[in-house]
Amino acid sequence: MNLLDLASAVAVLAASVPPLYFAVRLRGPRTSFRILVVILAASFLVHGAFHALDAFAFPEDAVVGLEAISSALILVFALAYWSLRGGSRP
């Protein structure tokens, strides 16, 4: 068991709590921001699971799969944020 990966897992999983709280608290016409925050929280949760699996020495295929899913969620978050900002405007 790697303690550094375990500490990273705890830190990243703890970082997913504020976005989850904001997603629950956002109401009304802000549903697009709510979805954006849920995507961010999901990416944190998946990345935390990646670190947890890595800490407990799970098979490399499972760990790499979670890393790919986490990266894809960050990309989806970035594209969703970009579209909410108005596309290519500075």
N, C-alpha and C. Protein backbone atom coordinates (compact mmCIF):
# COMPACT_ATOMS: atom_id res chain seq x y z
N MET A 1 0.84 -1.18 0.00
CA MET A 1 0.00 0.00 0.00
C MET A 1 0.89 1.24 0.00
N ASN A 2 0.60 2.15 -0.89
CA ASN A 2 1.35 3.38 -1.02
C ASN A 2 0.62 4.48 -0.25
N LEU A 3 1.23 5.01 0.79
CA LEU A 3 0.58 6.01 1.63
C LEU A 3 0.41 7.35 0.92
N LEU A 4 1.31 7.68 0.00
CA LEU A 4 1.18 8.92 -0.74
C LEU A 4 -0.06 8.88 -1.63
N ASP A 5 -0.30 7.76 -2.30
CA ASP A 5 -1.50 7.62 -3.12
C ASP A 5 -2.76 7.63 -2.26
N LEU A 6 -2.69 7.04 -1.09
CA LEU A 6 -3.83 7.04 -0.19
C LEU A 6 -4.15 8.46 0.29
N ALA A 7 -3.12 9.22 0.61
CA ALA A 7 -3.33 10.62 1.00
C ALA A 7 -3.88 11.43 -0.16
N SER A 8 -3.40 11.15 -1.37
CA SER A 8 -3.93 11.84 -2.55
C SER A 8 -5.40 11.50 -2.76
N ALA A 9 -5.76 10.24 -2.54
CA ALA A 9 -7.15 9.82 -2.70
C ALA A 9 -8.05 10.56 -1.72
N VAL A 10 -7.61 10.65 -0.48
CA VAL A 10 -8.41 11.35 0.53
C VAL A 10 -8.55 12.83 0.18
N ALA A 11 -7.47 13.45 -0.27
CA ALA A 11 -7.50 14.87 -0.62
C ALA A 11 -8.42 15.14 -1.81
N VAL A 12 -8.33 14.32 -2.84
CA VAL A 12 -9.16 14.54 -4.03
C VAL A 12 -10.63 14.24 -3.72
N LEU A 13 -10.89 13.20 -2.95
CA LEU A 13 -12.27 12.90 -2.57
C LEU A 13 -12.84 14.01 -1.69
N ALA A 14 -12.02 14.59 -0.82
CA ALA A 14 -12.48 15.72 -0.01
C ALA A 14 -12.73 16.95 -0.87
N ALA A 15 -11.97 17.10 -1.94
CA ALA A 15 -12.17 18.24 -2.84
C ALA A 15 -13.47 18.13 -3.62
N SER A 16 -14.07 16.95 -3.68
CA SER A 16 -15.33 16.80 -4.39
C SER A 16 -16.53 17.22 -3.54
N VAL A 17 -16.34 17.42 -2.25
CA VAL A 17 -17.45 17.79 -1.37
C VAL A 17 -18.01 19.18 -1.68
N PRO A 18 -17.19 20.24 -1.79
CA PRO A 18 -17.77 21.56 -2.09
C PRO A 18 -18.56 21.61 -3.41
N PRO A 19 -18.05 21.04 -4.52
CA PRO A 19 -18.87 21.06 -5.73
C PRO A 19 -20.19 20.31 -5.58
N LEU A 20 -20.18 19.20 -4.85
CA LEU A 20 -21.43 18.47 -4.61
C LEU A 20 -22.40 19.31 -3.78
N TYR A 21 -21.88 20.02 -2.80
CA TYR A 21 -22.72 20.90 -1.98
C TYR A 21 -23.32 22.02 -2.84
N PHE A 22 -22.51 22.64 -3.68
CA PHE A 22 -23.01 23.70 -4.56
C PHE A 22 -24.04 23.17 -5.54
N ALA A 23 -23.85 21.96 -6.04
CA ALA A 23 -24.82 21.37 -6.97
C ALA A 23 -26.17 21.17 -6.30
N VAL A 24 -26.15 20.81 -5.03
CA VAL A 24 -27.40 20.63 -4.30
C VAL A 24 -28.06 21.98 -4.00
N ARG A 25 -27.25 22.98 -3.72
CA ARG A 25 -27.78 24.30 -3.34
C ARG A 25 -28.25 25.15 -4.52
N LEU A 26 -27.70 24.93 -5.72
CA LEU A 26 -28.09 25.74 -6.87
C LEU A 26 -29.50 25.38 -7.31
N ARG A 27 -30.35 26.34 -7.37
CA ARG A 27 -31.74 26.15 -7.78
C ARG A 27 -32.12 27.22 -8.80
N GLY A 28 -33.26 27.05 -9.40
CA GLY A 28 -33.80 28.07 -10.28
C GLY A 28 -33.21 28.02 -11.68
N PRO A 29 -32.97 29.20 -12.26
CA PRO A 29 -32.53 29.25 -13.67
C PRO A 29 -31.06 28.88 -13.89
N ARG A 30 -30.38 28.44 -12.88
CA ARG A 30 -28.96 28.14 -12.99
C ARG A 30 -28.70 26.65 -13.22
N THR A 31 -29.55 25.98 -13.94
CA THR A 31 -29.38 24.54 -14.13
C THR A 31 -28.14 24.22 -14.96
N SER A 32 -27.77 25.12 -15.88
CA SER A 32 -26.56 24.86 -16.66
C SER A 32 -25.32 24.87 -15.77
N PHE A 33 -25.28 25.77 -14.80
CA PHE A 33 -24.15 25.79 -13.86
C PHE A 33 -24.19 24.59 -12.93
N ARG A 34 -25.38 24.16 -12.59
CA ARG A 34 -25.53 22.98 -11.75
C ARG A 34 -24.95 21.74 -12.44
N ILE A 35 -25.26 21.59 -13.71
CA ILE A 35 -24.73 20.47 -14.48
C ILE A 35 -23.21 20.57 -14.57
N LEU A 36 -22.71 21.77 -14.76
CA LEU A 36 -21.27 21.98 -14.83
C LEU A 36 -20.58 21.58 -13.53
N VAL A 37 -21.17 21.94 -12.41
CA VAL A 37 -20.59 21.61 -11.11
C VAL A 37 -20.67 20.10 -10.85
N VAL A 38 -21.74 19.45 -11.31
CA VAL A 38 -21.86 18.00 -11.15
C VAL A 38 -20.77 17.29 -11.96
N ILE A 39 -20.49 17.78 -13.16
CA ILE A 39 -19.42 17.19 -13.98
C ILE A 39 -18.07 17.34 -13.27
N LEU A 40 -17.83 18.51 -12.70
CA LEU A 40 -16.58 18.73 -11.98
C LEU A 40 -16.47 17.80 -10.76
N ALA A 41 -17.55 17.67 -10.01
CA ALA A 41 -17.53 16.79 -8.84
C ALA A 41 -17.33 15.34 -9.26
N ALA A 42 -17.96 14.93 -10.36
CA ALA A 42 -17.79 13.55 -10.84
C ALA A 42 -16.35 13.29 -11.24
N SER A 43 -15.72 14.27 -11.86
CA SER A 43 -14.32 14.07 -12.25
C SER A 43 -13.43 13.95 -11.01
N PHE A 44 -13.73 14.73 -9.96
CA PHE A 44 -12.98 14.59 -8.71
C PHE A 44 -13.19 13.23 -8.08
N LEU A 45 -14.43 12.75 -8.06
CA LEU A 45 -14.73 11.45 -7.46
C LEU A 45 -14.02 10.32 -8.21
N VAL A 46 -14.06 10.37 -9.54
CA VAL A 46 -13.40 9.32 -10.32
C VAL A 46 -11.90 9.39 -10.14
N HIS A 47 -11.35 10.60 -10.09
CA HIS A 47 -9.91 10.72 -9.91
C HIS A 47 -9.49 10.27 -8.50
N GLY A 48 -10.33 10.52 -7.51
CA GLY A 48 -10.06 10.02 -6.17
C GLY A 48 -10.10 8.50 -6.12
N ALA A 49 -11.04 7.92 -6.85
CA ALA A 49 -11.10 6.46 -6.93
C ALA A 49 -9.86 5.91 -7.63
N PHE A 50 -9.36 6.62 -8.62
CA PHE A 50 -8.13 6.23 -9.29
C PHE A 50 -6.97 6.15 -8.30
N HIS A 51 -6.84 7.18 -7.46
CA HIS A 51 -5.76 7.19 -6.47
C HIS A 51 -5.97 6.10 -5.42
N ALA A 52 -7.21 5.85 -5.03
CA ALA A 52 -7.48 4.81 -4.04
C ALA A 52 -7.13 3.43 -4.59
N LEU A 53 -7.51 3.16 -5.84
CA LEU A 53 -7.17 1.87 -6.44
C LEU A 53 -5.66 1.72 -6.60
N ASP A 54 -5.01 2.81 -6.95
CA ASP A 54 -3.56 2.78 -7.09
C ASP A 54 -2.89 2.53 -5.73
N ALA A 55 -3.46 3.10 -4.67
CA ALA A 55 -2.88 2.92 -3.33
C ALA A 55 -2.99 1.47 -2.87
N PHE A 56 -4.07 0.81 -3.23
CA PHE A 56 -4.26 -0.57 -2.79
C PHE A 56 -3.78 -1.58 -3.83
N ALA A 57 -2.99 -1.14 -4.79
CA ALA A 57 -2.32 -2.00 -5.78
C ALA A 57 -3.30 -2.87 -6.57
N PHE A 58 -4.36 -2.24 -7.09
CA PHE A 58 -5.28 -2.97 -7.96
C PHE A 58 -4.61 -3.21 -9.31
N PRO A 59 -5.18 -4.07 -10.15
CA PRO A 59 -4.59 -4.32 -11.46
C PRO A 59 -4.47 -3.04 -12.29
N GLU A 60 -3.43 -2.99 -13.08
CA GLU A 60 -3.13 -1.79 -13.85
C GLU A 60 -4.26 -1.41 -14.82
N ASP A 61 -4.97 -2.40 -15.36
CA ASP A 61 -6.05 -2.11 -16.31
C ASP A 61 -7.15 -1.28 -15.66
N ALA A 62 -7.53 -1.62 -14.45
CA ALA A 62 -8.58 -0.88 -13.75
C ALA A 62 -8.12 0.54 -13.43
N VAL A 63 -6.89 0.67 -13.02
CA VAL A 63 -6.35 1.99 -12.65
C VAL A 63 -6.26 2.89 -13.87
N VAL A 64 -5.76 2.35 -14.97
CA VAL A 64 -5.63 3.14 -16.20
C VAL A 64 -7.00 3.50 -16.75
N GLY A 65 -7.97 2.59 -16.63
CA GLY A 65 -9.32 2.89 -17.08
C GLY A 65 -9.94 4.05 -16.33
N LEU A 66 -9.76 4.08 -15.01
CA LEU A 66 -10.29 5.20 -14.23
C LEU A 66 -9.57 6.51 -14.55
N GLU A 67 -8.29 6.41 -14.82
CA GLU A 67 -7.54 7.62 -15.20
C GLU A 67 -8.07 8.19 -16.51
N ALA A 68 -8.39 7.32 -17.46
CA ALA A 68 -8.93 7.76 -18.74
C ALA A 68 -10.32 8.39 -18.57
N ILE A 69 -11.14 7.78 -17.73
CA ILE A 69 -12.48 8.34 -17.48
C ILE A 69 -12.37 9.70 -16.81
N SER A 70 -11.46 9.83 -15.87
CA SER A 70 -11.25 11.11 -15.19
C SER A 70 -10.80 12.19 -16.18
N SER A 71 -9.90 11.84 -17.05
CA SER A 71 -9.43 12.80 -18.06
C SER A 71 -10.55 13.19 -19.01
N ALA A 72 -11.38 12.23 -19.39
CA ALA A 72 -12.50 12.53 -20.28
C ALA A 72 -13.51 13.46 -19.60
N LEU A 73 -13.76 13.25 -18.31
CA LEU A 73 -14.68 14.13 -17.59
C LEU A 73 -14.14 15.54 -17.48
N ILE A 74 -12.83 15.67 -17.28
CA ILE A 74 -12.24 17.02 -17.24
C ILE A 74 -12.39 17.71 -18.61
N LEU A 75 -12.22 16.95 -19.68
CA LEU A 75 -12.40 17.50 -21.01
C LEU A 75 -13.85 17.92 -21.24
N VAL A 76 -14.80 17.10 -20.81
CA VAL A 76 -16.21 17.45 -20.93
C VAL A 76 -16.51 18.70 -20.11
N PHE A 77 -15.95 18.80 -18.91
CA PHE A 77 -16.12 20.00 -18.09
C PHE A 77 -15.58 21.24 -18.80
N ALA A 78 -14.39 21.13 -19.37
CA ALA A 78 -13.78 22.28 -20.05
C ALA A 78 -14.62 22.72 -21.25
N LEU A 79 -15.10 21.76 -22.03
CA LEU A 79 -15.93 22.10 -23.19
C LEU A 79 -17.27 22.69 -22.78
N ALA A 80 -17.86 22.17 -21.72
CA ALA A 80 -19.14 22.71 -21.23
C ALA A 80 -18.94 24.13 -20.69
N TYR A 81 -17.86 24.36 -19.97
CA TYR A 81 -17.57 25.70 -19.46
C TYR A 81 -17.33 26.66 -20.62
N TRP A 82 -16.60 26.21 -21.61
CA TRP A 82 -16.31 27.05 -22.77
C TRP A 82 -17.60 27.44 -23.50
N SER A 83 -18.52 26.50 -23.63
CA SER A 83 -19.76 26.82 -24.32
C SER A 83 -20.63 27.74 -23.48
N LEU A 84 -20.58 27.63 -22.15
CA LEU A 84 -21.35 28.54 -21.30
C LEU A 84 -20.79 29.96 -21.35
N ARG A 85 -19.48 30.07 -21.54
CA ARG A 85 -18.87 31.40 -21.64
C ARG A 85 -19.16 32.07 -22.96
N GLY A 86 -19.65 31.33 -23.93
CA GLY A 86 -19.99 31.93 -25.21
C GLY A 86 -19.09 31.52 -26.34
N GLY A 87 -18.43 30.41 -26.24
CA GLY A 87 -17.63 29.90 -27.34
C GLY A 87 -16.28 30.55 -27.45
N SER A 88 -16.00 31.13 -28.61
CA SER A 88 -14.65 31.60 -28.91
C SER A 88 -14.40 33.04 -28.47
N ARG A 89 -15.35 33.67 -27.81
CA ARG A 89 -15.11 35.03 -27.33
C ARG A 89 -14.00 35.05 -26.29
N PRO A 90 -13.20 36.08 -26.25
CA PRO A 90 -12.15 36.17 -25.22
C PRO A 90 -12.71 36.44 -23.85
